């Protein structure tokens, strides 16, 4: 469902939006598309940050396990 809203933009930004939207393009459609992309990127960044935090918390244990596994590898000749 779409809802009508009002925002205030500088004439410079509005002119650039109009150029990007093109002659038959819709300002609203362009702004919505840009905002959707931005919100998706923010959500992905938050997920990536949480994943990185988990990896960093487990890094010491994971590195110890990897070192242990390498110790069992036969020496190269």
PDB file of N, CA and C in Angstrom:
ATOM      1  N   UNK A   1       0.839  -1.171   0.000  1.00  0.00           N
ATOM      2  CA  UNK A   1       0.000   0.000   0.000  1.00  0.00           C
ATOM      3  C   UNK A   1       0.887   1.238   0.000  1.00  0.00           C
ATOM      4  N   UNK A   2       0.577   2.166  -0.822  1.00  0.00           N
ATOM      5  CA  UNK A   2       1.332   3.411  -0.905  1.00  0.00           C
ATOM      6  C   UNK A   2       0.668   4.466  -0.029  1.00  0.00           C
ATOM      7  N   UNK A   3       1.520   5.302   0.550  1.00  0.00           N
ATOM      8  CA  UNK A   3       1.018   6.412   1.349  1.00  0.00           C
ATOM      9  C   UNK A   3       1.653   7.692   0.845  1.00  0.00           C
ATOM     10  N   UNK A   4       0.882   8.709   0.827  1.00  0.00           N
ATOM     11  CA  UNK A   4       1.368  10.002   0.377  1.00  0.00           C
ATOM     12  C   UNK A   4       2.128  10.675   1.516  1.00  0.00           C
ATOM     13  N   UNK A   5       3.261  11.281   1.174  1.00  0.00           N
ATOM     14  CA  UNK A   5       4.053  12.001   2.163  1.00  0.00           C
ATOM     15  C   UNK A   5       4.612  13.257   1.517  1.00  0.00           C
ATOM     16  N   UNK A   6       5.125  14.118   2.318  1.00  0.00           N
ATOM     17  CA  UNK A   6       5.693  15.353   1.803  1.00  0.00           C
ATOM     18  C   UNK A   6       7.109  15.487   2.329  1.00  0.00           C
ATOM     19  N   UNK A   7       8.039  15.805   1.439  1.00  0.00           N
ATOM     20  CA  UNK A   7       9.413  16.052   1.846  1.00  0.00           C
ATOM     21  C   UNK A   7       9.869  17.361   1.215  1.00  0.00           C
ATOM     22  N   UNK A   8      10.872  17.942   1.809  1.00  0.00           N
ATOM     23  CA  UNK A   8      11.418  19.184   1.274  1.00  0.00           C
ATOM     24  C   UNK A   8      12.829  18.908   0.790  1.00  0.00           C
ATOM     25  N   UNK A   9      13.087  19.222  -0.466  1.00  0.00           N
ATOM     26  CA  UNK A   9      14.395  19.003  -1.072  1.00  0.00           C
ATOM     27  C   UNK A   9      14.901  20.311  -1.659  1.00  0.00           C
ATOM     28  N   UNK A  10      16.216  20.421  -1.720  1.00  0.00           N
ATOM     29  CA  UNK A  10      16.781  21.610  -2.348  1.00  0.00           C
ATOM     30  C   UNK A  10      16.483  21.572  -3.847  1.00  0.00           C
ATOM     31  N   UNK A  11      16.456  22.738  -4.462  1.00  0.00           N
ATOM     32  CA  UNK A  11      16.177  22.799  -5.901  1.00  0.00           C
ATOM     33  C   UNK A  11      17.261  22.071  -6.689  1.00  0.00           C
ATOM     34  N   UNK A  12      18.476  22.076  -6.181  1.00  0.00           N
ATOM     35  CA  UNK A  12      19.582  21.382  -6.858  1.00  0.00           C
ATOM     36  C   UNK A  12      19.342  19.868  -6.869  1.00  0.00           C
ATOM     37  N   UNK A  13      18.963  19.318  -5.717  1.00  0.00           N
ATOM     38  CA  UNK A  13      18.692  17.877  -5.631  1.00  0.00           C
ATOM     39  C   UNK A  13      17.478  17.520  -6.477  1.00  0.00           C
ATOM     40  N   UNK A  14      16.460  18.327  -6.422  1.00  0.00           N
ATOM     41  CA  UNK A  14      15.258  18.067  -7.199  1.00  0.00           C
ATOM     42  C   UNK A  14      15.547  18.077  -8.701  1.00  0.00           C
ATOM     43  N   UNK A  15      16.379  19.003  -9.142  1.00  0.00           N
ATOM     44  CA  UNK A  15      16.748  19.058 -10.558  1.00  0.00           C
ATOM     45  C   UNK A  15      17.481  17.785 -10.973  1.00  0.00           C
ATOM     46  N   UNK A  16      18.363  17.287 -10.106  1.00  0.00           N
ATOM     47  CA  UNK A  16      19.092  16.047 -10.416  1.00  0.00           C
ATOM     48  C   UNK A  16      18.147  14.853 -10.442  1.00  0.00           C
ATOM     49  N   UNK A  17      17.188  14.831  -9.524  1.00  0.00           N
ATOM     50  CA  UNK A  17      16.194  13.752  -9.524  1.00  0.00           C
ATOM     51  C   UNK A  17      15.393  13.781 -10.818  1.00  0.00           C
ATOM     52  N   UNK A  18      14.989  14.962 -11.247  1.00  0.00           N
ATOM     53  CA  UNK A  18      14.229  15.091 -12.488  1.00  0.00           C
ATOM     54  C   UNK A  18      15.040  14.597 -13.683  1.00  0.00           C
ATOM     55  N   UNK A  19      16.335  14.915 -13.714  1.00  0.00           N
ATOM     56  CA  UNK A  19      17.188  14.439 -14.820  1.00  0.00           C
ATOM     57  C   UNK A  19      17.290  12.917 -14.799  1.00  0.00           C
ATOM     58  N   UNK A  20      17.459  12.343 -13.609  1.00  0.00           N
ATOM     59  CA  UNK A  20      17.561  10.885 -13.508  1.00  0.00           C
ATOM     60  C   UNK A  20      16.247  10.202 -13.864  1.00  0.00           C
ATOM     61  N   UNK A  21      15.142  10.788 -13.461  1.00  0.00           N
ATOM     62  CA  UNK A  21      13.832  10.192 -13.733  1.00  0.00           C
ATOM     63  C   UNK A  21      13.497  10.259 -15.220  1.00  0.00           C
ATOM     64  N   UNK A  22      14.039  11.215 -15.918  1.00  0.00           N
ATOM     65  CA  UNK A  22      13.749  11.354 -17.338  1.00  0.00           C
ATOM     66  C   UNK A  22      12.432  12.065 -17.566  1.00  0.00           C
ATOM     67  N   UNK A  23      12.153  12.335 -18.802  1.00  0.00           N
ATOM     68  CA  UNK A  23      10.951  13.080 -19.155  1.00  0.00           C
ATOM     69  C   UNK A  23       9.656  12.415 -18.736  1.00  0.00           C
ATOM     70  N   UNK A  24       9.596  11.096 -18.885  1.00  0.00           N
ATOM     71  CA  UNK A  24       8.359  10.380 -18.563  1.00  0.00           C
ATOM     72  C   UNK A  24       8.454   9.655 -17.222  1.00  0.00           C
ATOM     73  N   UNK A  25       9.605   9.772 -16.564  1.00  0.00           N
ATOM     74  CA  UNK A  25       9.788   9.076 -15.297  1.00  0.00           C
ATOM     75  C   UNK A  25       9.083   9.776 -14.154  1.00  0.00           C
ATOM     76  N   UNK A  26       8.891   9.047 -13.114  1.00  0.00           N
ATOM     77  CA  UNK A  26       8.210   9.571 -11.940  1.00  0.00           C
ATOM     78  C   UNK A  26       9.229   9.854 -10.842  1.00  0.00           C
ATOM     79  N   UNK A  27       9.167  11.049 -10.280  1.00  0.00           N
ATOM     80  CA  UNK A  27      10.037  11.373  -9.149  1.00  0.00           C
ATOM     81  C   UNK A  27       9.817  10.374  -8.020  1.00  0.00           C
ATOM     82  N   UNK A  28       8.568  10.129  -7.711  1.00  0.00           N
ATOM     83  CA  UNK A  28       8.238   9.226  -6.604  1.00  0.00           C
ATOM     84  C   UNK A  28       8.819   7.841  -6.830  1.00  0.00           C
ATOM     85  N   UNK A  29       8.681   7.317  -8.047  1.00  0.00           N
ATOM     86  CA  UNK A  29       9.197   5.981  -8.343  1.00  0.00           C
ATOM     87  C   UNK A  29      10.706   5.946  -8.201  1.00  0.00           C
ATOM     88  N   UNK A  30      11.383   6.985  -8.674  1.00  0.00           N
ATOM     89  CA  UNK A  30      12.837   7.033  -8.576  1.00  0.00           C
ATOM     90  C   UNK A  30      13.273   7.117  -7.117  1.00  0.00           C
ATOM     91  N   UNK A  31      12.663   7.996  -6.357  1.00  0.00           N
ATOM     92  CA  UNK A  31      13.021   8.155  -4.945  1.00  0.00           C
ATOM     93  C   UNK A  31      12.737   6.870  -4.181  1.00  0.00           C
ATOM     94  N   UNK A  32      11.607   6.229  -4.453  1.00  0.00           N
ATOM     95  CA  UNK A  32      11.293   4.971  -3.773  1.00  0.00           C
ATOM     96  C   UNK A  32      12.319   3.899  -4.118  1.00  0.00           C
ATOM     97  N   UNK A  33      12.707   3.806  -5.374  1.00  0.00           N
ATOM     98  CA  UNK A  33      13.701   2.824  -5.796  1.00  0.00           C
ATOM     99  C   UNK A  33      15.037   3.050  -5.088  1.00  0.00           C
ATOM    100  N   UNK A  34      15.449   4.296  -5.019  1.00  0.00           N
ATOM    101  CA  UNK A  34      16.716   4.634  -4.357  1.00  0.00           C
ATOM    102  C   UNK A  34      16.643   4.300  -2.868  1.00  0.00           C
ATOM    103  N   UNK A  35      15.538   4.643  -2.235  1.00  0.00           N
ATOM    104  CA  UNK A  35      15.392   4.365  -0.804  1.00  0.00           C
ATOM    105  C   UNK A  35      15.313   2.869  -0.517  1.00  0.00           C
ATOM    106  N   UNK A  36      14.639   2.124  -1.383  1.00  0.00           N
ATOM    107  CA  UNK A  36      14.584   0.667  -1.199  1.00  0.00           C
ATOM    108  C   UNK A  36      15.989   0.069  -1.252  1.00  0.00           C
ATOM    109  N   UNK A  37      16.777   0.492  -2.236  1.00  0.00           N
ATOM    110  CA  UNK A  37      18.147   0.003  -2.382  1.00  0.00           C
ATOM    111  C   UNK A  37      18.972   0.370  -1.144  1.00  0.00           C
ATOM    112  N   UNK A  38      18.830   1.596  -0.673  1.00  0.00           N
ATOM    113  CA  UNK A  38      19.554   2.056   0.505  1.00  0.00           C
ATOM    114  C   UNK A  38      19.178   1.223   1.738  1.00  0.00           C
ATOM    115  N   UNK A  39      17.890   1.002   1.938  1.00  0.00           N
ATOM    116  CA  UNK A  39      17.439   0.226   3.090  1.00  0.00           C
ATOM    117  C   UNK A  39      17.929  -1.213   3.026  1.00  0.00           C
ATOM    118  N   UNK A  40      17.939  -1.796   1.837  1.00  0.00           N
ATOM    119  CA  UNK A  40      18.449  -3.154   1.652  1.00  0.00           C
ATOM    120  C   UNK A  40      19.939  -3.210   1.980  1.00  0.00           C
ATOM    121  N   UNK A  41      20.705  -2.225   1.496  1.00  0.00           N
ATOM    122  CA  UNK A  41      22.137  -2.180   1.793  1.00  0.00           C
ATOM    123  C   UNK A  41      22.391  -2.034   3.292  1.00  0.00           C
ATOM    124  N   UNK A  42      21.590  -1.232   3.966  1.00  0.00           N
ATOM    125  CA  UNK A  42      21.735  -1.066   5.419  1.00  0.00           C
ATOM    126  C   UNK A  42      21.451  -2.374   6.148  1.00  0.00           C
ATOM    127  N   UNK A  43      20.414  -3.085   5.711  1.00  0.00           N
ATOM    128  CA  UNK A  43      20.069  -4.361   6.331  1.00  0.00           C
ATOM    129  C   UNK A  43      21.191  -5.376   6.122  1.00  0.00           C
ATOM    130  N   UNK A  44      21.735  -5.420   4.904  1.00  0.00           N
ATOM    131  CA  UNK A  44      22.844  -6.345   4.620  1.00  0.00           C
ATOM    132  C   UNK A  44      24.076  -5.984   5.442  1.00  0.00           C
ATOM    133  N   UNK A  45      24.367  -4.706   5.576  1.00  0.00           N
ATOM    134  CA  UNK A  45      25.517  -4.266   6.364  1.00  0.00           C
ATOM    135  C   UNK A  45      25.357  -4.674   7.823  1.00  0.00           C
ATOM    136  N   UNK A  46      24.151  -4.581   8.353  1.00  0.00           N
ATOM    137  CA  UNK A  46      23.901  -4.981   9.743  1.00  0.00           C
ATOM    138  C   UNK A  46      24.113  -6.483   9.916  1.00  0.00           C
ATOM    139  N   UNK A  47      23.643  -7.261   8.963  1.00  0.00           N
ATOM    140  CA  UNK A  47      23.839  -8.719   9.018  1.00  0.00           C
ATOM    141  C   UNK A  47      25.319  -9.053   8.940  1.00  0.00           C
ATOM    142  N   UNK A  48      26.034  -8.405   8.022  1.00  0.00           N
ATOM    143  CA  UNK A  48      27.471  -8.653   7.876  1.00  0.00           C
ATOM    144  C   UNK A  48      28.224  -8.277   9.143  1.00  0.00           C
ATOM    145  N   UNK A  49      27.836  -7.190   9.781  1.00  0.00           N
ATOM    146  CA  UNK A  49      28.500  -6.762  11.014  1.00  0.00           C
ATOM    147  C   UNK A  49      28.262  -7.790  12.123  1.00  0.00           C
ATOM    148  N   UNK A  50      27.048  -8.306  12.228  1.00  0.00           N
ATOM    149  CA  UNK A  50      26.763  -9.337  13.240  1.00  0.00           C
ATOM    150  C   UNK A  50      27.555 -10.609  12.961  1.00  0.00           C
ATOM    151  N   UNK A  51      27.623 -11.003  11.687  1.00  0.00           N
ATOM    152  CA  UNK A  51      28.384 -12.204  11.329  1.00  0.00           C
ATOM    153  C   UNK A  51      29.867 -12.027  11.647  1.00  0.00           C
ATOM    154  N   UNK A  52      30.406 -10.873  11.328  1.00  0.00           N
ATOM    155  CA  UNK A  52      31.821 -10.604  11.605  1.00  0.00           C
ATOM    156  C   UNK A  52      32.090 -10.637  13.105  1.00  0.00           C
ATOM    157  N   UNK A  53      31.170 -10.108  13.885  1.00  0.00           N
ATOM    158  CA  UNK A  53      31.312 -10.135  15.338  1.00  0.00           C
ATOM    159  C   UNK A  53      31.350 -11.579  15.848  1.00  0.00           C
ATOM    160  N   UNK A  54      30.488 -12.428  15.305  1.00  0.00           N
ATOM    161  CA  UNK A  54      30.481 -13.841  15.702  1.00  0.00           C
ATOM    162  C   UNK A  54      31.799 -14.521  15.333  1.00  0.00           C
ATOM    163  N   UNK A  55      32.276 -14.254  14.130  1.00  0.00           N
ATOM    164  CA  UNK A  55      33.543 -14.846  13.678  1.00  0.00           C
ATOM    165  C   UNK A  55      34.688 -14.380  14.566  1.00  0.00           C
ATOM    166  N   UNK A  56      34.722 -13.097  14.862  1.00  0.00           N
ATOM    167  CA  UNK A  56      35.794 -12.567  15.696  1.00  0.00           C
ATOM    168  C   UNK A  56      35.755 -13.154  17.104  1.00  0.00           C
ATOM    169  N   UNK A  57      34.555 -13.369  17.638  1.00  0.00           N
ATOM    170  CA  UNK A  57      34.446 -13.968  18.969  1.00  0.00           C
ATOM    171  C   UNK A  57      34.974 -15.401  18.979  1.00  0.00           C
ATOM    172  N   UNK A  58      34.816 -16.104  17.859  1.00  0.00           N
ATOM    173  CA  UNK A  58      35.232 -17.499  17.784  1.00  0.00           C
ATOM    174  C   UNK A  58      36.613 -17.673  17.170  1.00  0.00           C
ATOM    175  N   UNK A  59      37.268 -16.590  16.764  1.00  0.00           N
ATOM    176  CA  UNK A  59      38.520 -16.668  16.008  1.00  0.00           C
ATOM    177  C   UNK A  59      39.605 -17.426  16.746  1.00  0.00           C
ATOM    178  N   UNK A  60      39.781 -17.163  18.021  1.00  0.00           N
ATOM    179  CA  UNK A  60      40.854 -17.819  18.765  1.00  0.00           C
ATOM    180  C   UNK A  60      40.670 -19.331  18.776  1.00  0.00           C
ATOM    181  N   UNK A  61      39.450 -19.768  19.039  1.00  0.00           N
ATOM    182  CA  UNK A  61      39.179 -21.208  19.055  1.00  0.00           C
ATOM    183  C   UNK A  61      39.338 -21.805  17.662  1.00  0.00           C
ATOM    184  N   UNK A  62      38.823 -21.124  16.639  1.00  0.00           N
ATOM    185  CA  UNK A  62      38.935 -21.632  15.271  1.00  0.00           C
ATOM    186  C   UNK A  62      40.395 -21.726  14.829  1.00  0.00           C
ATOM    187  N   UNK A  63      41.196 -20.722  15.190  1.00  0.00           N
ATOM    188  CA  UNK A  63      42.615 -20.749  14.835  1.00  0.00           C
ATOM    189  C   UNK A  63      43.339 -21.894  15.549  1.00  0.00           C
ATOM    190  N   UNK A  64      42.994 -22.145  16.801  1.00  0.00           N
ATOM    191  CA  UNK A  64      43.609 -23.251  17.545  1.00  0.00           C
ATOM    192  C   UNK A  64      43.247 -24.589  16.906  1.00  0.00           C
ATOM    193  N   UNK A  65      41.993 -24.744  16.499  1.00  0.00           N
ATOM    194  CA  UNK A  65      41.568 -25.982  15.838  1.00  0.00           C
ATOM    195  C   UNK A  65      42.289 -26.167  14.513  1.00  0.00           C
ATOM    196  N   UNK A  66      42.454 -25.089  13.758  1.00  0.00           N
ATOM    197  CA  UNK A  66      43.162 -25.173  12.476  1.00  0.00           C
ATOM    198  C   UNK A  66      44.621 -25.545  12.696  1.00  0.00           C
ATOM    199  N   UNK A  67      45.259 -24.944  13.690  1.00  0.00           N
ATOM    200  CA  UNK A  67      46.665 -25.256  13.983  1.00  0.00           C
ATOM    201  C   UNK A  67      46.800 -26.718  14.390  1.00  0.00           C
ATOM    202  N   UNK A  68      45.841 -27.215  15.151  1.00  0.00           N
ATOM    203  CA  UNK A  68      45.865 -28.602  15.564  1.00  0.00           C
ATOM    204  C   UNK A  68      45.742 -29.520  14.349  1.00  0.00           C
ATOM    205  N   UNK A  69      44.853 -29.190  13.426  1.00  0.00           N
ATOM    206  CA  UNK A  69      44.674 -29.999  12.227  1.00  0.00           C
ATOM    207  C   UNK A  69      45.922 -29.984  11.354  1.00  0.00           C
ATOM    208  N   UNK A  70      46.567 -28.845  11.264  1.00  0.00           N
ATOM    209  CA  UNK A  70      47.800 -28.738  10.459  1.00  0.00           C
ATOM    210  C   UNK A  70      48.911 -29.575  11.074  1.00  0.00           C
ATOM    211  N   UNK A  71      48.937 -29.659  12.381  1.00  0.00           N
ATOM    212  CA  UNK A  71      49.987 -30.434  13.063  1.00  0.00           C
ATOM    213  C   UNK A  71      49.906 -31.916  12.703  1.00  0.00           C
ATOM    214  N   UNK A  72      48.730 -32.399  12.318  1.00  0.00           N
ATOM    215  CA  UNK A  72      48.573 -33.798  11.950  1.00  0.00           C
ATOM    216  C   UNK A  72      48.920 -34.072  10.485  1.00  0.00           C
ATOM    217  N   UNK A  73      49.167 -33.038   9.728  1.00  0.00           N
ATOM    218  CA  UNK A  73      49.497 -33.223   8.310  1.00  0.00           C
ATOM    219  C   UNK A  73      50.917 -33.760   8.186  1.00  0.00           C
ATOM    220  N   UNK A  74      51.145 -34.679   7.252  1.00  0.00           N
ATOM    221  CA  UNK A  74      52.519 -35.188   7.073  1.00  0.00           C
ATOM    222  C   UNK A  74      53.429 -34.076   6.516  1.00  0.00           C
ATOM    223  N   UNK A  75      54.657 -34.133   6.901  1.00  0.00           N
ATOM    224  CA  UNK A  75      55.635 -33.143   6.417  1.00  0.00           C
ATOM    225  C   UNK A  75      55.882 -33.370   4.937  1.00  0.00           C
ATOM    226  N   UNK A  76      56.053 -32.298   4.203  1.00  0.00           N
ATOM    227  CA  UNK A  76      56.360 -32.415   2.774  1.00  0.00           C
ATOM    228  C   UNK A  76      57.815 -32.810   2.595  1.00  0.00           C
ATOM    229  N   UNK A  77      58.038 -33.600   1.610  1.00  0.00           N
ATOM    230  CA  UNK A  77      59.416 -34.045   1.357  1.00  0.00           C
ATOM    231  C   UNK A  77      60.003 -33.361   0.177  1.00  0.00           C
TER     232      UNK A  77
END
